[in-house]
Amino acid sequence: MKDEELVFEFSSSHDLEILGELYLKYMHLVYGVCLKYLKNREEAMDAVMQIFEKLISDIPKQKIENFRSWLHVVTKNYCLMQLRSMKSEDEKLREWMLTTGIVENEHYVHPLDNEQQETDNLLADCIERLNGEQKECIKRFYYENRCYREIAEDLGIDEKKVKSNLQNGKRNLKICIEEKDERDE
């Protein structure tokens, strides 16, 4: 069957085997585009699965004349949104570090600088004081550059719990740092 016939058949029946047959044909294309944008094999493989799930709801809503081109655009847009989201997380961390005084300005202080070493030690000490899940989420997200899904799978918790642990962990780190700064003054 041609792509357009498979799209029509899936839109009518919502049979995942039909979608699977269609998707299998272009999975290498989706993976290649994801790898090009995300530059990480694991994230690209995760994206391939997420895009498949997205197609389940998107295809019946669309009038698709050329599936391959349409899928390429969907994949590209998905990857760009992922990158924007990652960039947003990096910007939030940088902003948080600026507001807590961990970094003096937007440019990181040289690691050999004595103040930076003290700040790193203070941060490490405060991270160790976090509860188990908060500490693990903070370490994996900021130091290992892991995504919510990976952390959730590693720790056996829900992605929303990961996000909550990160938010609460950042708040608790800020409080810890502020308390230590007040004691030092």
N, C-alpha and C. Protein backbone atom coordinates (compact mmCIF):
# COMPACT_ATOMS: atom_id res chain seq x y z
N MET A 1 0.83 -1.19 0.00
CA MET A 1 0.00 0.00 0.00
C MET A 1 0.88 1.25 0.00
N LYS A 2 0.39 2.29 -0.65
CA LYS A 2 1.10 3.56 -0.68
C LYS A 2 0.93 4.27 0.66
N ASP A 3 1.84 5.21 0.91
CA ASP A 3 1.81 5.95 2.17
C ASP A 3 0.45 6.59 2.43
N GLU A 4 -0.07 7.25 1.41
CA GLU A 4 -1.34 7.97 1.57
C GLU A 4 -2.48 7.02 1.92
N GLU A 5 -2.44 5.81 1.34
CA GLU A 5 -3.47 4.81 1.65
C GLU A 5 -3.33 4.35 3.09
N LEU A 6 -2.10 4.15 3.55
CA LEU A 6 -1.87 3.75 4.94
C LEU A 6 -2.31 4.84 5.91
N VAL A 7 -2.04 6.09 5.55
CA VAL A 7 -2.47 7.22 6.38
C VAL A 7 -3.99 7.24 6.48
N PHE A 8 -4.64 7.10 5.34
CA PHE A 8 -6.11 7.09 5.33
C PHE A 8 -6.65 5.93 6.15
N GLU A 9 -6.05 4.75 5.97
CA GLU A 9 -6.49 3.55 6.68
C GLU A 9 -6.32 3.72 8.19
N PHE A 10 -5.18 4.27 8.60
CA PHE A 10 -4.96 4.50 10.04
C PHE A 10 -5.94 5.54 10.58
N SER A 11 -6.15 6.61 9.84
CA SER A 11 -7.07 7.67 10.28
C SER A 11 -8.48 7.12 10.48
N SER A 12 -8.84 6.16 9.65
CA SER A 12 -10.18 5.56 9.74
C SER A 12 -10.28 4.54 10.87
N SER A 13 -9.25 3.70 11.00
CA SER A 13 -9.35 2.57 11.93
C SER A 13 -8.62 2.77 13.25
N HIS A 14 -7.65 3.68 13.29
CA HIS A 14 -6.80 3.89 14.47
C HIS A 14 -6.06 2.60 14.85
N ASP A 15 -5.80 1.76 13.87
CA ASP A 15 -5.10 0.50 14.08
C ASP A 15 -3.59 0.79 14.14
N LEU A 16 -2.99 0.54 15.29
CA LEU A 16 -1.58 0.86 15.49
C LEU A 16 -0.66 0.01 14.62
N GLU A 17 -1.10 -1.15 14.21
CA GLU A 17 -0.27 -1.98 13.31
C GLU A 17 -0.09 -1.28 11.96
N ILE A 18 -1.12 -0.62 11.50
CA ILE A 18 -1.03 0.12 10.23
C ILE A 18 -0.06 1.28 10.40
N LEU A 19 -0.19 2.00 11.50
CA LEU A 19 0.72 3.11 11.76
C LEU A 19 2.15 2.59 11.91
N GLY A 20 2.30 1.46 12.59
CA GLY A 20 3.62 0.86 12.77
C GLY A 20 4.26 0.50 11.44
N GLU A 21 3.46 -0.04 10.53
CA GLU A 21 3.97 -0.39 9.20
C GLU A 21 4.45 0.87 8.47
N LEU A 22 3.67 1.92 8.55
CA LEU A 22 4.01 3.18 7.90
C LEU A 22 5.25 3.80 8.55
N TYR A 23 5.28 3.80 9.86
CA TYR A 23 6.37 4.44 10.59
C TYR A 23 7.68 3.68 10.40
N LEU A 24 7.59 2.36 10.39
CA LEU A 24 8.78 1.53 10.20
C LEU A 24 9.52 1.89 8.92
N LYS A 25 8.75 2.24 7.92
CA LYS A 25 9.31 2.62 6.63
C LYS A 25 10.21 3.86 6.74
N TYR A 26 9.88 4.76 7.67
CA TYR A 26 10.58 6.04 7.77
C TYR A 26 11.31 6.24 9.10
N MET A 27 11.38 5.20 9.91
CA MET A 27 12.01 5.34 11.21
C MET A 27 13.47 5.78 11.08
N HIS A 28 14.17 5.28 10.09
CA HIS A 28 15.56 5.69 9.88
C HIS A 28 15.67 7.18 9.56
N LEU A 29 14.70 7.69 8.83
CA LEU A 29 14.67 9.12 8.51
C LEU A 29 14.46 9.94 9.79
N VAL A 30 13.50 9.51 10.60
CA VAL A 30 13.19 10.20 11.85
C VAL A 30 14.41 10.19 12.77
N TYR A 31 15.04 9.02 12.89
CA TYR A 31 16.22 8.90 13.75
C TYR A 31 17.35 9.81 13.24
N GLY A 32 17.56 9.82 11.95
CA GLY A 32 18.62 10.64 11.36
C GLY A 32 18.41 12.12 11.62
N VAL A 33 17.18 12.58 11.46
CA VAL A 33 16.86 14.00 11.71
C VAL A 33 17.06 14.31 13.19
N CYS A 34 16.57 13.41 14.05
CA CYS A 34 16.71 13.63 15.50
C CYS A 34 18.18 13.67 15.91
N LEU A 35 18.97 12.77 15.37
CA LEU A 35 20.39 12.73 15.69
C LEU A 35 21.09 14.00 15.21
N LYS A 36 20.69 14.47 14.04
CA LYS A 36 21.28 15.70 13.49
C LYS A 36 21.04 16.88 14.43
N TYR A 37 19.83 17.00 14.95
CA TYR A 37 19.48 18.14 15.79
C TYR A 37 19.90 17.95 17.25
N LEU A 38 19.64 16.77 17.80
CA LEU A 38 19.87 16.56 19.22
C LEU A 38 21.30 16.16 19.55
N LYS A 39 22.03 15.63 18.56
CA LYS A 39 23.44 15.26 18.70
C LYS A 39 23.71 14.32 19.86
N ASN A 40 22.75 13.45 20.15
CA ASN A 40 22.88 12.48 21.23
C ASN A 40 22.05 11.26 20.85
N ARG A 41 22.69 10.10 20.77
CA ARG A 41 21.99 8.89 20.31
C ARG A 41 20.80 8.52 21.19
N GLU A 42 21.00 8.54 22.51
CA GLU A 42 19.91 8.16 23.42
C GLU A 42 18.73 9.12 23.29
N GLU A 43 19.03 10.41 23.26
CA GLU A 43 17.95 11.40 23.11
C GLU A 43 17.26 11.24 21.76
N ALA A 44 18.02 10.91 20.73
CA ALA A 44 17.44 10.71 19.40
C ALA A 44 16.52 9.49 19.41
N MET A 45 16.95 8.42 20.07
CA MET A 45 16.09 7.22 20.14
C MET A 45 14.82 7.51 20.94
N ASP A 46 14.97 8.25 22.04
CA ASP A 46 13.79 8.64 22.82
C ASP A 46 12.84 9.47 21.95
N ALA A 47 13.40 10.37 21.17
CA ALA A 47 12.59 11.23 20.31
C ALA A 47 11.84 10.41 19.26
N VAL A 48 12.49 9.38 18.72
CA VAL A 48 11.83 8.52 17.73
C VAL A 48 10.56 7.92 18.33
N MET A 49 10.65 7.46 19.57
CA MET A 49 9.47 6.87 20.23
C MET A 49 8.41 7.94 20.54
N GLN A 50 8.86 9.10 20.99
CA GLN A 50 7.92 10.17 21.31
C GLN A 50 7.17 10.64 20.07
N ILE A 51 7.89 10.71 18.97
CA ILE A 51 7.26 11.15 17.71
C ILE A 51 6.23 10.11 17.26
N PHE A 52 6.56 8.83 17.39
CA PHE A 52 5.58 7.79 17.05
C PHE A 52 4.30 7.99 17.86
N GLU A 53 4.45 8.22 19.17
CA GLU A 53 3.28 8.44 20.02
C GLU A 53 2.52 9.70 19.60
N LYS A 54 3.25 10.72 19.19
CA LYS A 54 2.63 11.97 18.74
C LYS A 54 1.79 11.74 17.47
N LEU A 55 2.29 10.86 16.60
CA LEU A 55 1.58 10.59 15.35
C LEU A 55 0.21 9.96 15.59
N ILE A 56 0.08 9.19 16.65
CA ILE A 56 -1.18 8.53 16.95
C ILE A 56 -2.31 9.55 17.03
N SER A 57 -2.02 10.68 17.67
CA SER A 57 -3.08 11.71 17.79
C SER A 57 -3.05 12.71 16.65
N ASP A 58 -1.87 12.97 16.07
CA ASP A 58 -1.75 14.01 15.04
C ASP A 58 -2.28 13.59 13.67
N ILE A 59 -2.02 12.37 13.27
CA ILE A 59 -2.40 11.96 11.91
C ILE A 59 -3.90 12.10 11.65
N PRO A 60 -4.77 11.62 12.54
CA PRO A 60 -6.21 11.75 12.24
C PRO A 60 -6.69 13.20 12.12
N LYS A 61 -5.95 14.13 12.70
CA LYS A 61 -6.35 15.55 12.68
C LYS A 61 -5.86 16.28 11.44
N GLN A 62 -4.95 15.68 10.69
CA GLN A 62 -4.29 16.36 9.58
C GLN A 62 -4.75 15.84 8.23
N LYS A 63 -4.62 16.71 7.25
CA LYS A 63 -4.82 16.28 5.86
C LYS A 63 -3.42 16.16 5.28
N ILE A 64 -2.94 14.93 5.15
CA ILE A 64 -1.55 14.68 4.77
C ILE A 64 -1.52 14.20 3.32
N GLU A 65 -0.85 14.97 2.48
CA GLU A 65 -0.75 14.59 1.07
C GLU A 65 0.57 13.89 0.77
N ASN A 66 1.63 14.28 1.44
CA ASN A 66 2.93 13.65 1.25
C ASN A 66 3.45 13.29 2.64
N PHE A 67 3.28 12.03 3.05
CA PHE A 67 3.61 11.61 4.41
C PHE A 67 5.07 11.84 4.75
N ARG A 68 5.96 11.49 3.85
CA ARG A 68 7.40 11.62 4.12
C ARG A 68 7.76 13.06 4.44
N SER A 69 7.32 14.00 3.62
CA SER A 69 7.62 15.42 3.86
C SER A 69 6.97 15.91 5.14
N TRP A 70 5.74 15.51 5.36
CA TRP A 70 5.02 15.91 6.56
C TRP A 70 5.73 15.38 7.80
N LEU A 71 6.15 14.12 7.77
CA LEU A 71 6.84 13.50 8.90
C LEU A 71 8.18 14.19 9.16
N HIS A 72 8.86 14.58 8.10
CA HIS A 72 10.14 15.28 8.26
C HIS A 72 9.92 16.60 9.00
N VAL A 73 8.90 17.34 8.63
CA VAL A 73 8.59 18.61 9.29
C VAL A 73 8.20 18.39 10.75
N VAL A 74 7.37 17.38 11.00
CA VAL A 74 6.96 17.07 12.38
C VAL A 74 8.19 16.73 13.22
N THR A 75 9.08 15.93 12.66
CA THR A 75 10.30 15.52 13.38
C THR A 75 11.19 16.71 13.66
N LYS A 76 11.40 17.53 12.65
CA LYS A 76 12.25 18.72 12.81
C LYS A 76 11.67 19.64 13.89
N ASN A 77 10.37 19.88 13.84
CA ASN A 77 9.73 20.76 14.83
C ASN A 77 9.82 20.19 16.23
N TYR A 78 9.65 18.86 16.34
CA TYR A 78 9.76 18.21 17.65
C TYR A 78 11.16 18.44 18.22
N CYS A 79 12.18 18.22 17.40
CA CYS A 79 13.57 18.39 17.84
C CYS A 79 13.86 19.82 18.23
N LEU A 80 13.37 20.77 17.46
CA LEU A 80 13.59 22.18 17.78
C LEU A 80 12.94 22.54 19.11
N MET A 81 11.76 21.99 19.36
CA MET A 81 11.10 22.24 20.65
C MET A 81 11.90 21.62 21.80
N GLN A 82 12.47 20.43 21.59
CA GLN A 82 13.30 19.80 22.60
C GLN A 82 14.52 20.67 22.90
N LEU A 83 15.16 21.16 21.85
CA LEU A 83 16.34 22.01 22.03
C LEU A 83 15.98 23.30 22.75
N ARG A 84 14.85 23.87 22.40
CA ARG A 84 14.40 25.10 23.07
C ARG A 84 14.15 24.83 24.55
N SER A 85 13.56 23.69 24.84
CA SER A 85 13.29 23.31 26.22
C SER A 85 14.60 23.12 26.99
N MET A 86 15.58 22.45 26.37
CA MET A 86 16.88 22.24 27.02
C MET A 86 17.58 23.57 27.26
N LYS A 87 17.51 24.44 26.28
CA LYS A 87 18.14 25.76 26.39
C LYS A 87 17.49 26.54 27.53
N SER A 88 16.18 26.41 27.62
CA SER A 88 15.43 27.08 28.67
C SER A 88 15.89 26.60 30.04
N GLU A 89 16.11 25.29 30.20
CA GLU A 89 16.58 24.74 31.47
C GLU A 89 17.97 25.27 31.80
N ASP A 90 18.85 25.34 30.79
CA ASP A 90 20.19 25.88 31.01
C ASP A 90 20.13 27.34 31.43
N GLU A 91 19.25 28.11 30.79
CA GLU A 91 19.10 29.52 31.13
C GLU A 91 18.55 29.67 32.55
N LYS A 92 17.62 28.80 32.93
CA LYS A 92 17.07 28.87 34.28
C LYS A 92 18.14 28.57 35.32
N LEU A 93 19.00 27.58 35.05
CA LEU A 93 20.08 27.27 35.98
C LEU A 93 21.04 28.45 36.09
N ARG A 94 21.42 29.03 34.96
CA ARG A 94 22.34 30.17 34.97
C ARG A 94 21.72 31.33 35.76
N GLU A 95 20.44 31.59 35.53
CA GLU A 95 19.75 32.67 36.25
C GLU A 95 19.72 32.38 37.74
N TRP A 96 19.42 31.13 38.09
CA TRP A 96 19.39 30.76 39.50
C TRP A 96 20.76 30.93 40.14
N MET A 97 21.81 30.52 39.40
CA MET A 97 23.16 30.65 39.93
C MET A 97 23.53 32.12 40.12
N LEU A 98 23.07 32.98 39.22
CA LEU A 98 23.33 34.42 39.36
C LEU A 98 22.63 34.99 40.58
N THR A 99 21.37 34.59 40.80
CA THR A 99 20.59 35.14 41.91
C THR A 99 21.07 34.63 43.26
N THR A 100 21.68 33.45 43.28
CA THR A 100 22.17 32.92 44.56
C THR A 100 23.61 33.31 44.83
N GLY A 101 24.23 33.98 43.86
CA GLY A 101 25.61 34.41 44.07
C GLY A 101 26.63 33.32 43.79
N ILE A 102 26.19 32.20 43.23
CA ILE A 102 27.13 31.13 42.93
C ILE A 102 28.08 31.57 41.83
N VAL A 103 27.60 32.38 40.92
CA VAL A 103 28.43 32.90 39.85
C VAL A 103 28.36 34.42 39.93
N GLU A 104 29.51 35.09 39.79
CA GLU A 104 29.55 36.54 39.93
C GLU A 104 28.89 37.26 38.78
N ASN A 105 29.03 36.73 37.58
CA ASN A 105 28.37 37.31 36.42
C ASN A 105 28.07 36.19 35.45
N GLU A 106 27.65 36.52 34.25
CA GLU A 106 27.26 35.47 33.32
C GLU A 106 28.43 34.63 32.84
N HIS A 107 29.65 35.11 33.05
CA HIS A 107 30.82 34.33 32.67
C HIS A 107 31.31 33.60 33.90
N TYR A 108 31.52 32.30 33.76
CA TYR A 108 31.96 31.51 34.90
C TYR A 108 33.34 31.97 35.36
N VAL A 109 33.54 31.98 36.65
CA VAL A 109 34.82 32.33 37.23
C VAL A 109 35.76 31.16 36.98
N HIS A 110 37.02 31.45 36.73
CA HIS A 110 38.00 30.40 36.47
C HIS A 110 38.01 29.41 37.63
N PRO A 111 38.03 28.10 37.36
CA PRO A 111 37.96 27.10 38.42
C PRO A 111 39.13 27.17 39.42
N LEU A 112 40.25 27.75 39.03
CA LEU A 112 41.37 27.83 39.96
C LEU A 112 41.24 29.01 40.91
N ASP A 113 40.29 29.87 40.64
CA ASP A 113 40.06 31.02 41.51
C ASP A 113 39.62 30.54 42.88
N ASN A 114 40.20 31.08 43.93
CA ASN A 114 39.93 30.64 45.30
C ASN A 114 38.46 30.79 45.68
N GLU A 115 37.86 31.92 45.32
CA GLU A 115 36.44 32.12 45.64
C GLU A 115 35.58 31.07 44.96
N GLN A 116 35.92 30.72 43.72
CA GLN A 116 35.15 29.72 43.00
C GLN A 116 35.24 28.37 43.72
N GLN A 117 36.44 28.06 44.21
CA GLN A 117 36.62 26.80 44.94
C GLN A 117 35.78 26.78 46.20
N GLU A 118 35.75 27.90 46.91
CA GLU A 118 34.92 28.00 48.12
C GLU A 118 33.45 27.84 47.76
N THR A 119 33.03 28.48 46.66
CA THR A 119 31.65 28.39 46.22
C THR A 119 31.30 26.95 45.83
N ASP A 120 32.22 26.31 45.11
CA ASP A 120 32.00 24.91 44.72
C ASP A 120 31.87 24.02 45.95
N ASN A 121 32.72 24.25 46.94
CA ASN A 121 32.67 23.46 48.17
C ASN A 121 31.36 23.70 48.93
N LEU A 122 30.94 24.97 48.97
CA LEU A 122 29.69 25.32 49.62
C LEU A 122 28.52 24.63 48.92
N LEU A 123 28.51 24.69 47.59
CA LEU A 123 27.44 24.06 46.83
C LEU A 123 27.45 22.54 47.04
N ALA A 124 28.62 21.94 46.99
CA ALA A 124 28.73 20.48 47.19
C ALA A 124 28.21 20.09 48.56
N ASP A 125 28.55 20.88 49.58
CA ASP A 125 28.10 20.60 50.94
C ASP A 125 26.58 20.70 51.04
N CYS A 126 26.02 21.73 50.42
CA CYS A 126 24.56 21.92 50.45
C CYS A 126 23.85 20.81 49.66
N ILE A 127 24.43 20.38 48.56
CA ILE A 127 23.83 19.28 47.79
C ILE A 127 23.78 18.02 48.65
N GLU A 128 24.84 17.77 49.40
CA GLU A 128 24.88 16.57 50.26
C GLU A 128 23.82 16.61 51.35
N ARG A 129 23.38 17.79 51.71
CA ARG A 129 22.36 17.94 52.76
C ARG A 129 20.93 17.73 52.25
N LEU A 130 20.75 17.70 50.93
CA LEU A 130 19.42 17.48 50.36
C LEU A 130 18.94 16.07 50.67
N ASN A 131 17.60 15.88 50.63
CA ASN A 131 17.10 14.52 50.82
C ASN A 131 17.50 13.68 49.60
N GLY A 132 17.42 12.38 49.72
CA GLY A 132 17.92 11.44 48.72
C GLY A 132 17.47 11.71 47.29
N GLU A 133 16.16 11.81 47.08
CA GLU A 133 15.66 12.00 45.71
C GLU A 133 16.04 13.37 45.15
N GLN A 134 15.96 14.41 45.97
CA GLN A 134 16.35 15.75 45.50
C GLN A 134 17.82 15.76 45.11
N LYS A 135 18.66 15.18 45.96
CA LYS A 135 20.10 15.14 45.70
C LYS A 135 20.38 14.39 44.39
N GLU A 136 19.77 13.23 44.22
CA GLU A 136 20.00 12.43 43.01
C GLU A 136 19.51 13.16 41.76
N CYS A 137 18.34 13.79 41.85
CA CYS A 137 17.80 14.51 40.70
C CYS A 137 18.69 15.69 40.33
N ILE A 138 19.13 16.46 41.32
CA ILE A 138 20.01 17.61 41.07
C ILE A 138 21.31 17.15 40.41
N LYS A 139 21.94 16.12 40.98
CA LYS A 139 23.21 15.63 40.44
C LYS A 139 23.05 15.13 39.00
N ARG A 140 22.02 14.34 38.76
CA ARG A 140 21.84 13.76 37.44
C ARG A 140 21.46 14.81 36.39
N PHE A 141 20.64 15.78 36.79
CA PHE A 141 20.18 16.79 35.84
C PHE A 141 21.29 17.80 35.52
N TYR A 142 21.93 18.35 36.55
CA TYR A 142 22.88 19.42 36.33
C TYR A 142 24.31 18.95 36.09
N TYR A 143 24.70 17.84 36.69
CA TYR A 143 26.08 17.39 36.53
C TYR A 143 26.24 16.33 35.44
N GLU A 144 25.19 15.53 35.22
CA GLU A 144 25.27 14.48 34.21
C GLU A 144 24.47 14.83 32.96
N ASN A 145 23.80 15.99 32.95
CA ASN A 145 22.99 16.45 31.82
C ASN A 145 21.96 15.42 31.39
N ARG A 146 21.30 14.79 32.34
CA ARG A 146 20.29 13.79 32.04
C ARG A 146 18.93 14.49 31.92
N CYS A 147 18.05 13.94 31.10
CA CYS A 147 16.72 14.53 30.93
C CYS A 147 15.77 13.95 31.99
N TYR A 148 14.60 14.57 32.15
CA TYR A 148 13.62 14.13 33.15
C TYR A 148 13.30 12.65 32.99
N ARG A 149 13.08 12.22 31.75
CA ARG A 149 12.69 10.84 31.49
C ARG A 149 13.77 9.86 31.95
N GLU A 150 15.03 10.17 31.64
CA GLU A 150 16.13 9.30 32.05
C GLU A 150 16.24 9.21 33.57
N ILE A 151 16.11 10.35 34.22
CA ILE A 151 16.19 10.38 35.68
C ILE A 151 15.04 9.58 36.28
N ALA A 152 13.84 9.78 35.73
CA ALA A 152 12.66 9.05 36.22
C ALA A 152 12.87 7.55 36.08
N GLU A 153 13.38 7.11 34.95
CA GLU A 153 13.62 5.68 34.73
C GLU A 153 14.68 5.16 35.69
N ASP A 154 15.77 5.91 35.86
CA ASP A 154 16.85 5.48 36.76
C ASP A 154 16.37 5.34 38.19
N LEU A 155 15.58 6.29 38.65
CA LEU A 155 15.15 6.31 40.04
C LEU A 155 13.83 5.59 40.28
N GLY A 156 13.16 5.20 39.20
CA GLY A 156 11.88 4.51 39.33
C GLY A 156 10.77 5.40 39.86
N ILE A 157 10.80 6.68 39.43
CA ILE A 157 9.76 7.63 39.85
C ILE A 157 9.16 8.29 38.62
N ASP A 158 8.07 9.00 38.82
CA ASP A 158 7.37 9.69 37.74
C ASP A 158 8.14 10.94 37.32
N GLU A 159 8.03 11.32 36.03
CA GLU A 159 8.72 12.52 35.54
C GLU A 159 8.28 13.76 36.30
N LYS A 160 7.01 13.84 36.70
CA LYS A 160 6.53 15.00 37.46
C LYS A 160 7.23 15.07 38.82
N LYS A 161 7.51 13.91 39.39
CA LYS A 161 8.22 13.86 40.67
C LYS A 161 9.66 14.35 40.49
N VAL A 162 10.28 14.02 39.34
CA VAL A 162 11.63 14.50 39.04
C VAL A 162 11.61 16.03 39.00
N LYS A 163 10.65 16.58 38.27
CA LYS A 163 10.55 18.04 38.14
C LYS A 163 10.35 18.68 39.52
N SER A 164 9.49 18.09 40.32
CA SER A 164 9.23 18.59 41.67
C SER A 164 10.50 18.52 42.52
N ASN A 165 11.22 17.40 42.44
CA ASN A 165 12.47 17.26 43.20
C ASN A 165 13.50 18.31 42.78
N LEU A 166 13.56 18.61 41.49
CA LEU A 166 14.51 19.62 41.01
C LEU A 166 14.13 21.01 41.54
N GLN A 167 12.85 21.34 41.46
CA GLN A 167 12.41 22.65 41.94
C GLN A 167 12.64 22.79 43.45
N ASN A 168 12.24 21.76 44.20
CA ASN A 168 12.42 21.81 45.65
C ASN A 168 13.90 21.78 46.03
N GLY A 169 14.67 20.99 45.29
CA GLY A 169 16.11 20.92 45.54
C GLY A 169 16.79 22.26 45.32
N LYS A 170 16.43 22.94 44.22
CA LYS A 170 17.02 24.26 43.95
C LYS A 170 16.65 25.25 45.07
N ARG A 171 15.39 25.20 45.49
CA ARG A 171 14.96 26.10 46.57
C ARG A 171 15.73 25.79 47.85
N ASN A 172 15.87 24.51 48.19
CA ASN A 172 16.59 24.13 49.40
C ASN A 172 18.09 24.47 49.31
N LEU A 173 18.67 24.38 48.12
CA LEU A 173 20.06 24.78 47.94
C LEU A 173 20.23 26.27 48.18
N LYS A 174 19.30 27.04 47.65
CA LYS A 174 19.36 28.49 47.83
C LYS A 174 19.28 28.85 49.31
N ILE A 175 18.36 28.20 50.02
CA ILE A 175 18.21 28.46 51.46
C ILE A 175 19.49 28.08 52.20
N CYS A 176 20.04 26.92 51.89
CA CYS A 176 21.27 26.45 52.53
C CYS A 176 22.42 27.43 52.30
N ILE A 177 22.58 27.88 51.06
CA ILE A 177 23.66 28.80 50.72
C ILE A 177 23.47 30.13 51.44
N GLU A 178 22.24 30.63 51.46
CA GLU A 178 21.96 31.90 52.14
C GLU A 178 22.25 31.79 53.64
N GLU A 179 21.86 30.66 54.25
CA GLU A 179 22.10 30.47 55.68
C GLU A 179 23.60 30.44 55.98
N LYS A 180 24.36 29.74 55.15
CA LYS A 180 25.81 29.67 55.36
C LYS A 180 26.47 31.03 55.15
N ASP A 181 25.98 31.79 54.16
CA ASP A 181 26.52 33.13 53.91
C ASP A 181 26.26 34.05 55.12
N GLU A 182 25.05 33.92 55.71
CA GLU A 182 24.70 34.75 56.86
C GLU A 182 25.60 34.41 58.06
N ARG A 183 25.89 33.11 58.24
CA ARG A 183 26.75 32.68 59.34
C ARG A 183 28.19 33.16 59.15
N ASP A 184 28.61 33.24 57.89
CA ASP A 184 29.99 33.66 57.60
C ASP A 184 30.19 35.16 57.76
N GLU A 185 29.12 35.92 57.72
CA GLU A 185 29.25 37.38 57.80
C GLU A 185 29.46 37.86 59.20
